[in-house]
PDB file of N, CA and C in Angstrom:
ATOM      1  N   MET A   1       5.820 -11.939 -20.965  1.00  0.00           N
ATOM      2  CA  MET A   1       4.419 -11.992 -20.566  1.00  0.00           C
ATOM      3  C   MET A   1       4.206 -11.095 -19.348  1.00  0.00           C
ATOM      4  N   GLU A   2       3.142 -10.329 -19.383  1.00  0.00           N
ATOM      5  CA  GLU A   2       2.836  -9.390 -18.305  1.00  0.00           C
ATOM      6  C   GLU A   2       2.172 -10.110 -17.133  1.00  0.00           C
ATOM      7  N   THR A   3       2.648  -9.841 -15.922  1.00  0.00           N
ATOM      8  CA  THR A   3       2.060 -10.463 -14.737  1.00  0.00           C
ATOM      9  C   THR A   3       0.754  -9.757 -14.367  1.00  0.00           C
ATOM     10  N   PRO A   4      -0.122 -10.422 -13.596  1.00  0.00           N
ATOM     11  CA  PRO A   4      -1.377  -9.775 -13.184  1.00  0.00           C
ATOM     12  C   PRO A   4      -1.155  -8.485 -12.396  1.00  0.00           C
ATOM     13  N   ILE A   5      -0.100  -8.443 -11.569  1.00  0.00           N
ATOM     14  CA  ILE A   5       0.177  -7.236 -10.786  1.00  0.00           C
ATOM     15  C   ILE A   5       0.511  -6.069 -11.714  1.00  0.00           C
ATOM     16  N   VAL A   6       1.382  -6.290 -12.698  1.00  0.00           N
ATOM     17  CA  VAL A   6       1.754  -5.226 -13.630  1.00  0.00           C
ATOM     18  C   VAL A   6       0.527  -4.750 -14.400  1.00  0.00           C
ATOM     19  N   ALA A   7      -0.316  -5.677 -14.831  1.00  0.00           N
ATOM     20  CA  ALA A   7      -1.537  -5.303 -15.545  1.00  0.00           C
ATOM     21  C   ALA A   7      -2.434  -4.443 -14.666  1.00  0.00           C
ATOM     22  N   GLN A   8      -2.576  -4.805 -13.395  1.00  0.00           N
ATOM     23  CA  GLN A   8      -3.415  -4.023 -12.482  1.00  0.00           C
ATOM     24  C   GLN A   8      -2.805  -2.658 -12.208  1.00  0.00           C
ATOM     25  N   LEU A   9      -1.488  -2.580 -12.063  1.00  0.00           N
ATOM     26  CA  LEU A   9      -0.836  -1.291 -11.858  1.00  0.00           C
ATOM     27  C   LEU A   9      -1.083  -0.366 -13.045  1.00  0.00           C
ATOM     28  N   LYS A  10      -0.988  -0.915 -14.242  1.00  0.00           N
ATOM     29  CA  LYS A  10      -1.193  -0.113 -15.453  1.00  0.00           C
ATOM     30  C   LYS A  10      -2.656   0.276 -15.639  1.00  0.00           C
ATOM     31  N   SER A  11      -3.563  -0.634 -15.330  1.00  0.00           N
ATOM     32  CA  SER A  11      -4.987  -0.368 -15.559  1.00  0.00           C
ATOM     33  C   SER A  11      -5.596   0.500 -14.477  1.00  0.00           C
ATOM     34  N   GLY A  12      -4.969   0.512 -13.299  1.00  0.00           N
ATOM     35  CA  GLY A  12      -5.495   1.306 -12.203  1.00  0.00           C
ATOM     36  C   GLY A  12      -6.702   0.685 -11.539  1.00  0.00           C
ATOM     37  N   SER A  13      -6.861  -0.646 -11.639  1.00  0.00           N
ATOM     38  CA  SER A  13      -7.986  -1.349 -11.024  1.00  0.00           C
ATOM     39  C   SER A  13      -7.618  -1.774  -9.608  1.00  0.00           C
ATOM     40  N   PRO A  14      -8.089  -1.043  -8.590  1.00  0.00           N
ATOM     41  CA  PRO A  14      -7.706  -1.377  -7.216  1.00  0.00           C
ATOM     42  C   PRO A  14      -8.472  -2.578  -6.670  1.00  0.00           C
ATOM     43  N   GLN A  15      -7.800  -3.327  -5.804  1.00  0.00           N
ATOM     44  CA  GLN A  15      -8.446  -4.400  -5.059  1.00  0.00           C
ATOM     45  C   GLN A  15      -8.963  -3.864  -3.727  1.00  0.00           C
ATOM     46  N   LEU A  16      -8.365  -2.769  -3.258  1.00  0.00           N
ATOM     47  CA  LEU A  16      -8.711  -2.162  -1.972  1.00  0.00           C
ATOM     48  C   LEU A  16      -8.375  -0.679  -2.082  1.00  0.00           C
ATOM     49  N   THR A  17      -9.161   0.159  -1.403  1.00  0.00           N
ATOM     50  CA  THR A  17      -8.903   1.601  -1.378  1.00  0.00           C
ATOM     51  C   THR A  17      -8.672   2.026   0.067  1.00  0.00           C
ATOM     52  N   ALA A  18      -7.726   2.941   0.265  1.00  0.00           N
ATOM     53  CA  ALA A  18      -7.391   3.384   1.622  1.00  0.00           C
ATOM     54  C   ALA A  18      -6.980   4.849   1.622  1.00  0.00           C
ATOM     55  N   ASP A  19      -7.177   5.490   2.777  1.00  0.00           N
ATOM     56  CA  ASP A  19      -6.636   6.826   3.015  1.00  0.00           C
ATOM     57  C   ASP A  19      -5.216   6.623   3.516  1.00  0.00           C
ATOM     58  N   VAL A  20      -4.240   7.078   2.757  1.00  0.00           N
ATOM     59  CA  VAL A  20      -2.829   6.812   3.033  1.00  0.00           C
ATOM     60  C   VAL A  20      -2.131   8.070   3.541  1.00  0.00           C
ATOM     61  N   PHE A  21      -1.276   7.889   4.526  1.00  0.00           N
ATOM     62  CA  PHE A  21      -0.413   8.967   5.023  1.00  0.00           C
ATOM     63  C   PHE A  21       1.020   8.456   4.987  1.00  0.00           C
ATOM     64  N   LEU A  22       1.864   9.144   4.222  1.00  0.00           N
ATOM     65  CA  LEU A  22       3.293   8.824   4.176  1.00  0.00           C
ATOM     66  C   LEU A  22       3.973   9.701   5.223  1.00  0.00           C
ATOM     67  N   TYR A  23       4.624   9.083   6.190  1.00  0.00           N
ATOM     68  CA  TYR A  23       5.235   9.836   7.284  1.00  0.00           C
ATOM     69  C   TYR A  23       6.166  10.921   6.748  1.00  0.00           C
ATOM     70  N   SER A  24       6.181  12.054   7.423  1.00  0.00           N
ATOM     71  CA  SER A  24       6.958  13.207   6.956  1.00  0.00           C
ATOM     72  C   SER A  24       8.463  12.978   7.018  1.00  0.00           C
ATOM     73  N   ASP A  25       8.910  12.037   7.842  1.00  0.00           N
ATOM     74  CA  ASP A  25      10.351  11.761   7.924  1.00  0.00           C
ATOM     75  C   ASP A  25      10.796  10.673   6.948  1.00  0.00           C
ATOM     76  N   GLU A  26       9.913  10.274   6.039  1.00  0.00           N
ATOM     77  CA  GLU A  26      10.235   9.207   5.092  1.00  0.00           C
ATOM     78  C   GLU A  26      11.396   9.612   4.193  1.00  0.00           C
ATOM     79  N   GLY A  27      11.454  10.854   3.748  1.00  0.00           N
ATOM     80  CA  GLY A  27      12.625  11.340   3.039  1.00  0.00           C
ATOM     81  C   GLY A  27      12.643  11.259   1.534  1.00  0.00           C
ATOM     82  N   ARG A  28      11.745  10.481   0.903  1.00  0.00           N
ATOM     83  CA  ARG A  28      11.778  10.450  -0.563  1.00  0.00           C
ATOM     84  C   ARG A  28      10.385  10.211  -1.134  1.00  0.00           C
ATOM     85  N   ASN A  29      10.169  10.703  -2.351  1.00  0.00           N
ATOM     86  CA  ASN A  29       8.895  10.524  -3.035  1.00  0.00           C
ATOM     87  C   ASN A  29       8.744   9.087  -3.515  1.00  0.00           C
ATOM     88  N   LYS A  30       7.517   8.640  -3.589  1.00  0.00           N
ATOM     89  CA  LYS A  30       7.202   7.308  -4.109  1.00  0.00           C
ATOM     90  C   LYS A  30       6.573   7.464  -5.491  1.00  0.00           C
ATOM     91  N   LEU A  31       6.927   6.565  -6.404  1.00  0.00           N
ATOM     92  CA  LEU A  31       6.447   6.598  -7.785  1.00  0.00           C
ATOM     93  C   LEU A  31       5.671   5.332  -8.109  1.00  0.00           C
ATOM     94  N   LEU A  32       4.920   5.337  -9.232  1.00  0.00           N
ATOM     95  CA  LEU A  32       4.226   4.144  -9.698  1.00  0.00           C
ATOM     96  C   LEU A  32       5.218   3.000  -9.795  1.00  0.00           C
ATOM     97  N   GLY A  33       4.851   1.851  -9.282  1.00  0.00           N
ATOM     98  CA  GLY A  33       5.738   0.690  -9.266  1.00  0.00           C
ATOM     99  C   GLY A  33       6.356   0.464  -7.909  1.00  0.00           C
ATOM    100  N   TRP A  34       6.275   1.493  -7.029  1.00  0.00           N
ATOM    101  CA  TRP A  34       6.779   1.328  -5.667  1.00  0.00           C
ATOM    102  C   TRP A  34       5.841   0.388  -4.929  1.00  0.00           C
ATOM    103  N   GLY A  35       6.411  -0.591  -4.292  1.00  0.00           N
ATOM    104  CA  GLY A  35       5.643  -1.520  -3.486  1.00  0.00           C
ATOM    105  C   GLY A  35       6.224  -1.609  -2.098  1.00  0.00           C
ATOM    106  N   CYS A  36       5.417  -2.096  -1.179  1.00  0.00           N
ATOM    107  CA  CYS A  36       5.866  -2.205   0.197  1.00  0.00           C
ATOM    108  C   CYS A  36       5.101  -3.338   0.874  1.00  0.00           C
ATOM    109  N   LEU A  37       5.553  -3.691   2.043  1.00  0.00           N
ATOM    110  CA  LEU A  37       4.846  -4.661   2.860  1.00  0.00           C
ATOM    111  C   LEU A  37       3.735  -3.907   3.582  1.00  0.00           C
ATOM    112  N   CYS A  38       2.514  -4.418   3.495  1.00  0.00           N
ATOM    113  CA  CYS A  38       1.352  -3.809   4.145  1.00  0.00           C
ATOM    114  C   CYS A  38       1.027  -4.658   5.366  1.00  0.00           C
ATOM    115  N   CYS A  39       1.283  -4.105   6.545  1.00  0.00           N
ATOM    116  CA  CYS A  39       1.224  -4.846   7.806  1.00  0.00           C
ATOM    117  C   CYS A  39      -0.034  -4.493   8.592  1.00  0.00           C
ATOM    118  N   PRO A  40      -0.815  -5.504   8.996  1.00  0.00           N
ATOM    119  CA  PRO A  40      -2.029  -5.212   9.756  1.00  0.00           C
ATOM    120  C   PRO A  40      -1.762  -4.684  11.164  1.00  0.00           C
ATOM    121  N   SER A  41      -0.527  -4.775  11.647  1.00  0.00           N
ATOM    122  CA  SER A  41      -0.174  -4.214  12.949  1.00  0.00           C
ATOM    123  C   SER A  41       1.320  -3.885  12.956  1.00  0.00           C
ATOM    124  N   LYS A  42       1.741  -3.182  14.002  1.00  0.00           N
ATOM    125  CA  LYS A  42       3.161  -2.845  14.155  1.00  0.00           C
ATOM    126  C   LYS A  42       3.854  -3.836  15.088  1.00  0.00           C
ATOM    127  N   SER A  43       3.273  -5.008  15.245  1.00  0.00           N
ATOM    128  CA  SER A  43       3.852  -6.008  16.143  1.00  0.00           C
ATOM    129  C   SER A  43       5.151  -6.560  15.570  1.00  0.00           C
ATOM    130  N   SER A  44       5.930  -7.162  16.448  1.00  0.00           N
ATOM    131  CA  SER A  44       7.189  -7.759  16.056  1.00  0.00           C
ATOM    132  C   SER A  44       7.086  -9.268  16.253  1.00  0.00           C
ATOM    133  N   PRO A  45       7.551 -10.098  15.342  1.00  0.00           N
ATOM    134  CA  PRO A  45       8.227  -9.744  14.098  1.00  0.00           C
ATOM    135  C   PRO A  45       7.245  -9.133  13.098  1.00  0.00           C
ATOM    136  N   VAL A  46       7.801  -8.362  12.178  1.00  0.00           N
ATOM    137  CA  VAL A  46       6.986  -7.696  11.165  1.00  0.00           C
ATOM    138  C   VAL A  46       6.380  -8.742  10.242  1.00  0.00           C
ATOM    139  N   PHE A  47       5.073  -8.624  10.020  1.00  0.00           N
ATOM    140  CA  PHE A  47       4.356  -9.517   9.110  1.00  0.00           C
ATOM    141  C   PHE A  47       3.418  -8.677   8.266  1.00  0.00           C
ATOM    142  N   GLY A  48       3.363  -8.971   6.978  1.00  0.00           N
ATOM    143  CA  GLY A  48       2.461  -8.225   6.115  1.00  0.00           C
ATOM    144  C   GLY A  48       2.315  -8.867   4.759  1.00  0.00           C
ATOM    145  N   TYR A  49       1.705  -8.122   3.864  1.00  0.00           N
ATOM    146  CA  TYR A  49       1.377  -8.586   2.520  1.00  0.00           C
ATOM    147  C   TYR A  49       1.987  -7.639   1.495  1.00  0.00           C
ATOM    148  N   ASP A  50       2.539  -8.213   0.416  1.00  0.00           N
ATOM    149  CA  ASP A  50       3.125  -7.401  -0.645  1.00  0.00           C
ATOM    150  C   ASP A  50       2.028  -6.600  -1.329  1.00  0.00           C
ATOM    151  N   GLY A  51       2.152  -5.267  -1.291  1.00  0.00           N
ATOM    152  CA  GLY A  51       1.141  -4.401  -1.888  1.00  0.00           C
ATOM    153  C   GLY A  51       1.771  -3.279  -2.691  1.00  0.00           C
ATOM    154  N   TRP A  52       0.997  -2.806  -3.658  1.00  0.00           N
ATOM    155  CA  TRP A  52       1.435  -1.714  -4.513  1.00  0.00           C
ATOM    156  C   TRP A  52       0.341  -0.661  -4.567  1.00  0.00           C
ATOM    157  N   PRO A  53       0.637   0.570  -4.116  1.00  0.00           N
ATOM    158  CA  PRO A  53      -0.338   1.648  -4.267  1.00  0.00           C
ATOM    159  C   PRO A  53      -0.408   2.088  -5.728  1.00  0.00           C
ATOM    160  N   LEU A  54      -1.598   2.414  -6.167  1.00  0.00           N
ATOM    161  CA  LEU A  54      -1.797   2.862  -7.545  1.00  0.00           C
ATOM    162  C   LEU A  54      -1.598   4.375  -7.596  1.00  0.00           C
ATOM    163  N   LEU A  55      -0.381   4.788  -7.891  1.00  0.00           N
ATOM    164  CA  LEU A  55      -0.017   6.202  -7.873  1.00  0.00           C
ATOM    165  C   LEU A  55      -0.252   6.910  -9.204  1.00  0.00           C
ATOM    166  N   GLY A  56      -0.472   6.151 -10.262  1.00  0.00           N
ATOM    167  CA  GLY A  56      -0.678   6.773 -11.569  1.00  0.00           C
ATOM    168  C   GLY A  56       0.547   7.563 -11.997  1.00  0.00           C
ATOM    169  N   ASP A  57       0.304   8.747 -12.550  1.00  0.00           N
ATOM    170  CA  ASP A  57       1.397   9.593 -13.057  1.00  0.00           C
ATOM    171  C   ASP A  57       1.942  10.552 -12.011  1.00  0.00           C
ATOM    172  N   THR A  58       1.484  10.423 -10.767  1.00  0.00           N
ATOM    173  CA  THR A  58       1.910  11.355  -9.729  1.00  0.00           C
ATOM    174  C   THR A  58       2.831  10.655  -8.734  1.00  0.00           C
ATOM    175  N   THR A  59       3.420  11.434  -7.848  1.00  0.00           N
ATOM    176  CA  THR A  59       4.242  10.882  -6.773  1.00  0.00           C
ATOM    177  C   THR A  59       3.489  11.033  -5.455  1.00  0.00           C
ATOM    178  N   LEU A  60       3.901  10.263  -4.466  1.00  0.00           N
ATOM    179  CA  LEU A  60       3.423  10.409  -3.101  1.00  0.00           C
ATOM    180  C   LEU A  60       4.606  10.946  -2.309  1.00  0.00           C
ATOM    181  N   SER A  61       4.448  12.126  -1.744  1.00  0.00           N
ATOM    182  CA  SER A  61       5.552  12.809  -1.078  1.00  0.00           C
ATOM    183  C   SER A  61       5.484  12.648   0.436  1.00  0.00           C
ATOM    184  N   PRO A  62       6.630  12.700   1.116  1.00  0.00           N
ATOM    185  CA  PRO A  62       6.635  12.645   2.577  1.00  0.00           C
ATOM    186  C   PRO A  62       5.699  13.698   3.172  1.00  0.00           C
ATOM    187  N   GLY A  63       4.898  13.286   4.156  1.00  0.00           N
ATOM    188  CA  GLY A  63       3.943  14.168   4.802  1.00  0.00           C
ATOM    189  C   GLY A  63       2.604  14.273   4.091  1.00  0.00           C
ATOM    190  N   GLU A  64       2.485  13.657   2.925  1.00  0.00           N
ATOM    191  CA  GLU A  64       1.254  13.749   2.134  1.00  0.00           C
ATOM    192  C   GLU A  64       0.228  12.704   2.559  1.00  0.00           C
ATOM    193  N   ARG A  65      -1.044  13.104   2.486  1.00  0.00           N
ATOM    194  CA  ARG A  65      -2.186  12.208   2.689  1.00  0.00           C
ATOM    195  C   ARG A  65      -2.945  12.139   1.375  1.00  0.00           C
ATOM    196  N   ARG A  66      -3.355  10.909   1.024  1.00  0.00           N
ATOM    197  CA  ARG A  66      -4.107  10.766  -0.219  1.00  0.00           C
ATOM    198  C   ARG A  66      -4.914   9.474  -0.209  1.00  0.00           C
ATOM    199  N   LYS A  67      -6.045   9.501  -0.866  1.00  0.00           N
ATOM    200  CA  LYS A  67      -6.851   8.302  -1.075  1.00  0.00           C
ATOM    201  C   LYS A  67      -6.236   7.552  -2.258  1.00  0.00           C
ATOM    202  N   LEU A  68      -5.845   6.280  -2.018  1.00  0.00           N
ATOM    203  CA  LEU A  68      -5.197   5.482  -3.062  1.00  0.00           C
ATOM    204  C   LEU A  68      -5.795   4.086  -3.142  1.00  0.00           C
ATOM    205  N   GLY A  69      -5.802   3.541  -4.336  1.00  0.00           N
ATOM    206  CA  GLY A  69      -6.126   2.140  -4.529  1.00  0.00           C
ATOM    207  C   GLY A  69      -4.852   1.324  -4.362  1.00  0.00           C
ATOM    208  N   PHE A  70      -5.022   0.049  -4.013  1.00  0.00           N
ATOM    209  CA  PHE A  70      -3.896  -0.880  -3.849  1.00  0.00           C
ATOM    210  C   PHE A  70      -4.197  -2.174  -4.589  1.00  0.00           C
ATOM    211  N   VAL A  71      -3.144  -2.838  -5.035  1.00  0.00           N
ATOM    212  CA  VAL A  71      -3.226  -4.216  -5.519  1.00  0.00           C
ATOM    213  C   VAL A  71      -2.251  -5.047  -4.690  1.00  0.00           C
ATOM    214  N   PHE A  72      -2.575  -6.332  -4.529  1.00  0.00           N
ATOM    215  CA  PHE A  72      -1.805  -7.209  -3.650  1.00  0.00           C
ATOM    216  C   PHE A  72      -1.433  -8.502  -4.353  1.00  0.00           C
ATOM    217  N   LEU A  73      -0.253  -8.996  -4.035  1.00  0.00           N
ATOM    218  CA  LEU A  73       0.239 -10.247  -4.585  1.00  0.00           C
ATOM    219  C   LEU A  73      -0.604 -11.428  -4.122  1.00  0.00           C
ATOM    220  N   ASN A  74      -1.038 -11.424  -2.862  1.00  0.00           N
ATOM    221  CA  ASN A  74      -1.782 -12.555  -2.292  1.00  0.00           C
ATOM    222  C   ASN A  74      -3.288 -12.459  -2.489  1.00  0.00           C
ATOM    223  N   GLY A  75      -3.776 -11.491  -3.212  1.00  0.00           N
ATOM    224  CA  GLY A  75      -5.196 -11.379  -3.517  1.00  0.00           C
ATOM    225  C   GLY A  75      -6.107 -11.399  -2.299  1.00  0.00           C
ATOM    226  N   GLU A  76      -7.066 -12.320  -2.297  1.00  0.00           N
ATOM    227  CA  GLU A  76      -8.111 -12.367  -1.275  1.00  0.00           C
ATOM    228  C   GLU A  76      -7.577 -12.520   0.144  1.00  0.00           C
ATOM    229  N   GLU A  77      -6.513 -13.284   0.326  1.00  0.00           N
ATOM    230  CA  GLU A  77      -5.935 -13.450   1.668  1.00  0.00           C
ATOM    231  C   GLU A  77      -5.527 -12.086   2.236  1.00  0.00           C
ATOM    232  N   SER A  78      -4.854 -11.293   1.427  1.00  0.00           N
ATOM    233  CA  SER A  78      -4.435  -9.952   1.840  1.00  0.00           C
ATOM    234  C   SER A  78      -5.632  -9.064   2.123  1.00  0.00           C
ATOM    235  N   LEU A  79      -6.570  -9.071   1.199  1.00  0.00           N
ATOM    236  CA  LEU A  79      -7.745  -8.208   1.326  1.00  0.00           C
ATOM    237  C   LEU A  79      -8.527  -8.505   2.591  1.00  0.00           C
ATOM    238  N   ASP A  80      -8.778  -9.781   2.855  1.00  0.00           N
ATOM    239  CA  ASP A  80      -9.535 -10.159   4.054  1.00  0.00           C
ATOM    240  C   ASP A  80      -8.835  -9.695   5.323  1.00  0.00           C
ATOM    241  N   ALA A  81      -7.538  -9.932   5.427  1.00  0.00           N
ATOM    242  CA  ALA A  81      -6.788  -9.577   6.634  1.00  0.00           C
ATOM    243  C   ALA A  81      -6.731  -8.065   6.847  1.00  0.00           C
ATOM    244  N   LEU A  82      -6.495  -7.311   5.779  1.00  0.00           N
ATOM    245  CA  LEU A  82      -6.365  -5.861   5.921  1.00  0.00           C
ATOM    246  C   LEU A  82      -7.711  -5.190   6.148  1.00  0.00           C
ATOM    247  N   ARG A  83      -8.749  -5.702   5.519  1.00  0.00           N
ATOM    248  CA  ARG A  83     -10.093  -5.168   5.784  1.00  0.00           C
ATOM    249  C   ARG A  83     -10.500  -5.429   7.226  1.00  0.00           C
ATOM    250  N   GLU A  84     -10.193  -6.612   7.722  1.00  0.00           N
ATOM    251  CA  GLU A  84     -10.520  -6.949   9.110  1.00  0.00           C
ATOM    252  C   GLU A  84      -9.765  -6.028  10.079  1.00  0.00           C
ATOM    253  N   ALA A  85      -8.508  -5.741   9.788  1.00  0.00           N
ATOM    254  CA  ALA A  85      -7.717  -4.853  10.643  1.00  0.00           C
ATOM    255  C   ALA A  85      -8.241  -3.420  10.582  1.00  0.00           C
ATOM    256  N   GLY A  86      -8.731  -2.998   9.423  1.00  0.00           N
ATOM    257  CA  GLY A  86      -9.258  -1.650   9.259  1.00  0.00           C
ATOM    258  C   GLY A  86      -8.189  -0.597   9.015  1.00  0.00           C
ATOM    259  N   LYS A  87      -6.982  -0.883   9.437  1.00  0.00           N
ATOM    260  CA  LYS A  87      -5.847   0.019   9.261  1.00  0.00           C
ATOM    261  C   LYS A  87      -4.619  -0.843   9.036  1.00  0.00           C
ATOM    262  N   PHE A  88      -3.703  -0.368   8.199  1.00  0.00           N
ATOM    263  CA  PHE A  88      -2.457  -1.103   8.016  1.00  0.00           C
ATOM    264  C   PHE A  88      -1.298  -0.132   7.892  1.00  0.00           C
ATOM    265  N   TYR A  89      -0.104  -0.669   8.054  1.00  0.00           N
ATOM    266  CA  TYR A  89       1.117   0.129   8.104  1.00  0.00           C
ATOM    267  C   TYR A  89       2.027  -0.258   6.945  1.00  0.00           C
ATOM    268  N   LEU A  90       2.660   0.740   6.355  1.00  0.00           N
ATOM    269  CA  LEU A  90       3.520   0.535   5.196  1.00  0.00           C
ATOM    270  C   LEU A  90       4.966   0.362   5.670  1.00  0.00           C
ATOM    271  N   TRP A  91       5.550  -0.783   5.313  1.00  0.00           N
ATOM    272  CA  TRP A  91       6.894  -1.141   5.771  1.00  0.00           C
ATOM    273  C   TRP A  91       7.847  -1.177   4.596  1.00  0.00           C
ATOM    274  N   GLU A  92       8.975  -0.490   4.751  1.00  0.00           N
ATOM    275  CA  GLU A  92      10.043  -0.509   3.762  1.00  0.00           C
ATOM    276  C   GLU A  92      11.367  -0.466   4.530  1.00  0.00           C
ATOM    277  N   GLY A  93      11.654  -1.566   5.249  1.00  0.00           N
ATOM    278  CA  GLY A  93      12.817  -1.604   6.118  1.00  0.00           C
ATOM    279  C   GLY A  93      12.543  -0.950   7.468  1.00  0.00           C
ATOM    280  N   ARG A  94      11.479  -0.190   7.524  1.00  0.00           N
ATOM    281  CA  ARG A  94      10.932   0.452   8.725  1.00  0.00           C
ATOM    282  C   ARG A  94       9.527   0.922   8.344  1.00  0.00           C
ATOM    283  N   PHE A  95       8.741   1.347   9.314  1.00  0.00           N
ATOM    284  CA  PHE A  95       7.406   1.836   8.993  1.00  0.00           C
ATOM    285  C   PHE A  95       7.515   3.225   8.389  1.00  0.00           C
ATOM    286  N   VAL A  96       6.991   3.381   7.160  1.00  0.00           N
ATOM    287  CA  VAL A  96       7.106   4.642   6.423  1.00  0.00           C
ATOM    288  C   VAL A  96       5.765   5.343   6.235  1.00  0.00           C
ATOM    289  N   GLY A  97       4.683   4.671   6.638  1.00  0.00           N
ATOM    290  CA  GLY A  97       3.367   5.280   6.481  1.00  0.00           C
ATOM    291  C   GLY A  97       2.287   4.380   7.034  1.00  0.00           C
ATOM    292  N   GLU A  98       1.053   4.866   6.922  1.00  0.00           N
ATOM    293  CA  GLU A  98      -0.089   4.083   7.392  1.00  0.00           C
ATOM    294  C   GLU A  98      -1.280   4.356   6.474  1.00  0.00           C
ATOM    295  N   ALA A  99      -2.246   3.455   6.539  1.00  0.00           N
ATOM    296  CA  ALA A  99      -3.418   3.547   5.674  1.00  0.00           C
ATOM    297  C   ALA A  99      -4.660   3.049   6.392  1.00  0.00           C
ATOM    298  N   ALA A 100      -5.746   3.799   6.257  1.00  0.00           N
ATOM    299  CA  ALA A 100      -7.037   3.394   6.813  1.00  0.00           C
ATOM    300  C   ALA A 100      -7.899   2.883   5.666  1.00  0.00           C
ATOM    301  N   VAL A 101      -8.374   1.651   5.780  1.00  0.00           N
ATOM    302  CA  VAL A 101      -9.177   1.020   4.738  1.00  0.00           C
ATOM    303  C   VAL A 101     -10.489   1.759   4.578  1.00  0.00           C
ATOM    304  N   ILE A 102     -10.870   2.033   3.338  1.00  0.00           N
ATOM    305  CA  ILE A 102     -12.157   2.637   3.026  1.00  0.00           C
ATOM    306  C   ILE A 102     -13.086   1.501   2.598  1.00  0.00           C
ATOM    307  N   PRO A 103     -14.185   1.301   3.342  1.00  0.00           N
ATOM    308  CA  PRO A 103     -15.096   0.187   3.004  1.00  0.00           C
ATOM    309  C   PRO A 103     -15.749   0.349   1.647  1.00  0.00           C
TER     310      PRO A 103
END
């Protein structure tokens, strides 16, 4: 059975849209299915929401900026917190990028 997240990734229906920048020192391309923790701040300890950018058939390369849709495991809780923050940071063992929420 297909989970709601997989269905949203395949359909390309975003819950939130953001201008994303993948830091140039990240070192590797990101593909559809790549997910990360989306953190409303860089405070410690790291706290965030499981999110997946909708990359489609393309990759996101280090140093690249792009407008992307996102889907989140926690749904409305994630959306409310990240919209309120206005900006969030992409965590994958370290901060690998940032995103500005598009209203």
